[in-house]
Protein backbone atom coordinates (compact mmCIF):
# COMPACT_ATOMS: atom_id res chain seq x y z
CA MET A 1 -19.06 -0.29 -4.38
CA LYS A 2 -19.93 2.28 -7.36
CA PRO A 3 -23.13 3.35 -5.70
CA PHE A 4 -21.27 3.75 -2.12
CA SER A 5 -18.86 5.84 -4.00
CA ILE A 6 -21.21 8.17 -5.76
CA LEU A 7 -23.37 8.48 -2.62
CA LEU A 8 -19.93 9.75 -0.72
CA ILE A 9 -18.68 12.06 -3.66
CA ARG A 10 -22.30 13.58 -3.83
CA LEU A 11 -22.22 14.05 0.30
CA LEU A 12 -18.80 15.52 -0.11
CA GLY A 13 -19.79 18.13 -2.75
CA LEU A 14 -22.81 19.07 -0.74
CA TYR A 15 -20.58 19.39 2.17
CA LEU A 16 -18.23 21.86 0.29
CA PHE A 17 -21.17 23.77 -0.87
CA LEU A 18 -23.11 24.13 2.30
CA LYS A 19 -20.27 24.79 4.75
CA THR A 20 -18.73 27.32 2.33
CA LEU A 21 -22.44 29.10 2.00
CA PHE A 22 -23.16 29.12 5.42
CA SER A 23 -19.72 30.51 6.27
CA VAL A 24 -20.42 33.61 3.92
CA LEU A 25 -23.84 34.12 4.79
CA PRO A 26 -23.46 36.30 7.75
CA ALA A 27 -21.18 38.63 5.71
CA LEU A 28 -23.93 38.70 2.89
CA LEU A 29 -26.94 39.61 5.14
CA GLY A 30 -25.07 42.02 7.58
CA PRO A 31 -25.45 45.70 7.33
CA ASN A 32 -21.93 46.57 5.48
CA VAL A 33 -22.32 44.24 2.37
CA GLY A 34 -21.08 47.08 -0.04
CA GLU A 35 -17.95 46.71 1.45
CA PHE A 36 -18.01 42.76 1.40
CA TRP A 37 -18.34 43.34 -2.71
CA SER A 38 -15.11 45.94 -2.67
CA ALA A 39 -12.50 45.80 -5.49
CA GLU A 40 -9.72 44.65 -2.91
CA LEU A 41 -11.97 41.65 -1.52
CA LEU A 42 -13.38 40.30 -4.98
CA PRO A 43 -10.27 38.19 -5.72
CA VAL A 44 -10.16 36.69 -2.31
CA LEU A 45 -13.94 36.36 -2.32
CA ILE A 46 -13.65 34.47 -5.44
CA SER A 47 -10.90 32.34 -4.53
CA THR A 48 -12.30 31.32 -0.90
CA VAL A 49 -16.00 30.88 -1.52
CA ALA A 50 -16.43 30.36 -5.37
CA VAL A 51 -14.17 27.79 -5.71
CA PRO A 52 -15.06 25.44 -3.27
CA MET A 53 -18.75 26.14 -3.92
CA VAL A 54 -18.11 25.29 -7.62
CA GLY A 55 -15.87 22.55 -6.29
CA GLY A 56 -19.14 21.18 -4.81
CA VAL A 57 -21.53 21.71 -7.57
CA LEU A 58 -18.88 19.96 -9.72
CA LEU A 59 -18.47 16.96 -7.36
CA TRP A 60 -22.18 16.67 -7.24
CA CYS A 61 -23.02 16.77 -11.07
CA PHE A 62 -20.03 14.64 -12.24
CA ALA A 63 -20.26 11.98 -9.31
CA GLY A 64 -20.94 8.63 -11.60
CA ARG A 65 -18.12 9.44 -13.79
CA LEU A 66 -15.62 10.28 -10.60
CA ALA A 67 -16.58 6.72 -9.50
CA GLU A 68 -16.62 5.03 -12.96
CA ARG A 69 -12.58 6.61 -13.17
CA LEU A 70 -12.32 5.41 -9.42
CA HIS A 71 -13.03 1.77 -9.73
CA GLY A 72 -12.15 1.40 -13.27
CA GLY A 73 -15.51 0.16 -14.81
CA VAL A 74 -16.01 -2.94 -12.78
CA GLU A 75 -19.42 -3.38 -11.65
CA ALA A 76 -19.88 -5.84 -8.65
CA ASP A 77 -22.59 -7.91 -8.31
CA ALA A 78 -25.46 -6.91 -5.54
CA GLY A 79 -24.66 -9.82 -3.10
CA ALA A 80 -20.68 -9.19 -3.47
CA ARG A 81 -18.71 -8.17 -0.64
CA ILE A 82 -16.82 -4.98 -0.78
CA ALA A 83 -12.80 -5.24 0.03
CA ASP A 84 -11.60 -2.98 2.51
CA GLU A 85 -8.73 -2.24 0.01
CA ASP A 86 -11.61 -0.34 -1.93
CA LEU A 87 -13.02 1.66 0.84
CA VAL A 88 -9.64 2.64 1.40
CA ARG A 89 -9.03 3.71 -2.19
CA ALA A 90 -12.42 5.54 -2.10
CA GLY A 91 -11.73 7.23 1.00
CA THR A 92 -8.29 8.38 0.13
CA PHE A 93 -9.39 9.89 -2.86
CA LEU A 94 -12.18 11.67 -1.52
CA ILE A 95 -9.99 13.04 1.22
CA GLY A 96 -7.85 14.32 -1.51
CA VAL A 97 -10.43 16.21 -3.48
CA TYR A 98 -11.90 17.97 -0.33
CA LEU A 99 -8.10 19.04 0.56
CA VAL A 100 -7.54 20.11 -2.79
CA VAL A 101 -10.97 22.25 -3.38
CA ARG A 102 -10.56 23.57 0.10
CA HIS A 103 -6.73 24.76 0.30
CA VAL A 104 -6.68 25.94 -3.53
CA GLY A 105 -8.77 29.01 -2.47
CA MET A 106 -6.55 29.70 0.46
CA LEU A 107 -3.56 29.65 -1.82
CA VAL A 108 -4.79 31.87 -4.42
CA ALA A 109 -6.30 34.20 -1.41
CA ALA A 110 -2.83 34.54 -0.03
CA TYR A 111 -1.11 35.34 -3.49
CA THR A 112 -3.86 37.90 -4.39
CA GLY A 113 -3.99 39.28 -0.93
CA ALA A 114 -0.39 39.47 -0.03
CA GLY A 115 1.55 38.46 -2.80
CA ALA A 116 2.93 35.74 -0.95
CA VAL A 117 2.78 32.22 -1.17
CA ALA A 118 1.23 30.28 1.48
CA TYR A 119 3.35 27.40 1.57
CA ASP A 120 1.41 25.15 4.17
CA ALA A 121 -1.65 25.54 1.90
CA LEU A 122 0.63 24.63 -1.16
CA VAL A 123 2.09 21.49 0.56
CA VAL A 124 -1.38 20.52 1.21
CA VAL A 125 -2.54 21.02 -2.43
CA VAL A 126 0.48 18.72 -3.42
CA LEU A 127 -0.63 16.07 -0.78
CA GLY A 128 -4.26 16.20 -1.76
CA LEU A 129 -3.22 15.83 -5.39
CA GLY A 130 -1.15 13.04 -4.77
CA MET A 131 -4.18 11.15 -2.65
CA MET A 132 -6.44 11.98 -5.86
CA LEU A 133 -3.86 10.64 -8.54
CA GLY A 134 -2.21 7.92 -6.74
CA ASN A 135 -2.45 4.74 -7.94
CA GLY A 136 -3.63 3.02 -5.00
CA GLY A 137 -0.13 3.66 -2.92
CA ILE A 138 -2.16 4.45 0.22
CA ALA A 139 -4.32 1.00 -0.27
CA VAL A 140 -0.90 -0.64 -0.47
CA LEU A 141 0.56 0.68 2.45
CA TYR A 142 -3.06 -0.14 4.25
CA ARG A 143 -2.23 -3.75 3.37
CA ARG A 144 0.95 -3.71 4.30
CA ILE A 145 0.14 -2.37 7.72
CA LYS A 146 -3.03 -4.76 8.12
CA TYR A 147 -0.81 -7.80 7.82
CA LEU A 148 2.22 -6.51 9.54
CA GLY A 149 3.34 -9.47 11.75
CA VAL A 150 0.57 -11.94 10.23
CA ASP A 151 1.86 -14.83 8.22
CA ARG A 152 -0.36 -15.03 5.07
């Protein structure tokens, strides 16, 4: 399960980095590049571009440690079956990481740009942190839904 989690964490990091890079690339290659680096837009640029790109690089670099922490150091045999609850736990963690990395930039950009709190981004960041740091609560919910109405 750990190699699968490492692969998914690295794919998420690569996705975050490339999606952000390709979304800002047309502005960097456009005719008005000087306006792009102005003092007013620099905090917004850092929060919306640099945070996801650095987050993607960090996910790529620390994928092994994150997978180790996610699975608790238990190494499965090569032929062992992977429990569906482990997949739910790994997927929930990755979705939480994606939500936090994407919406922290939006939260900071709204605060630095307008001086207001973007409550929608704040709620998403809190939910993402809950998904990342939750101790398998969604896996427990998944197990209850899976066996709903079935006498085990």
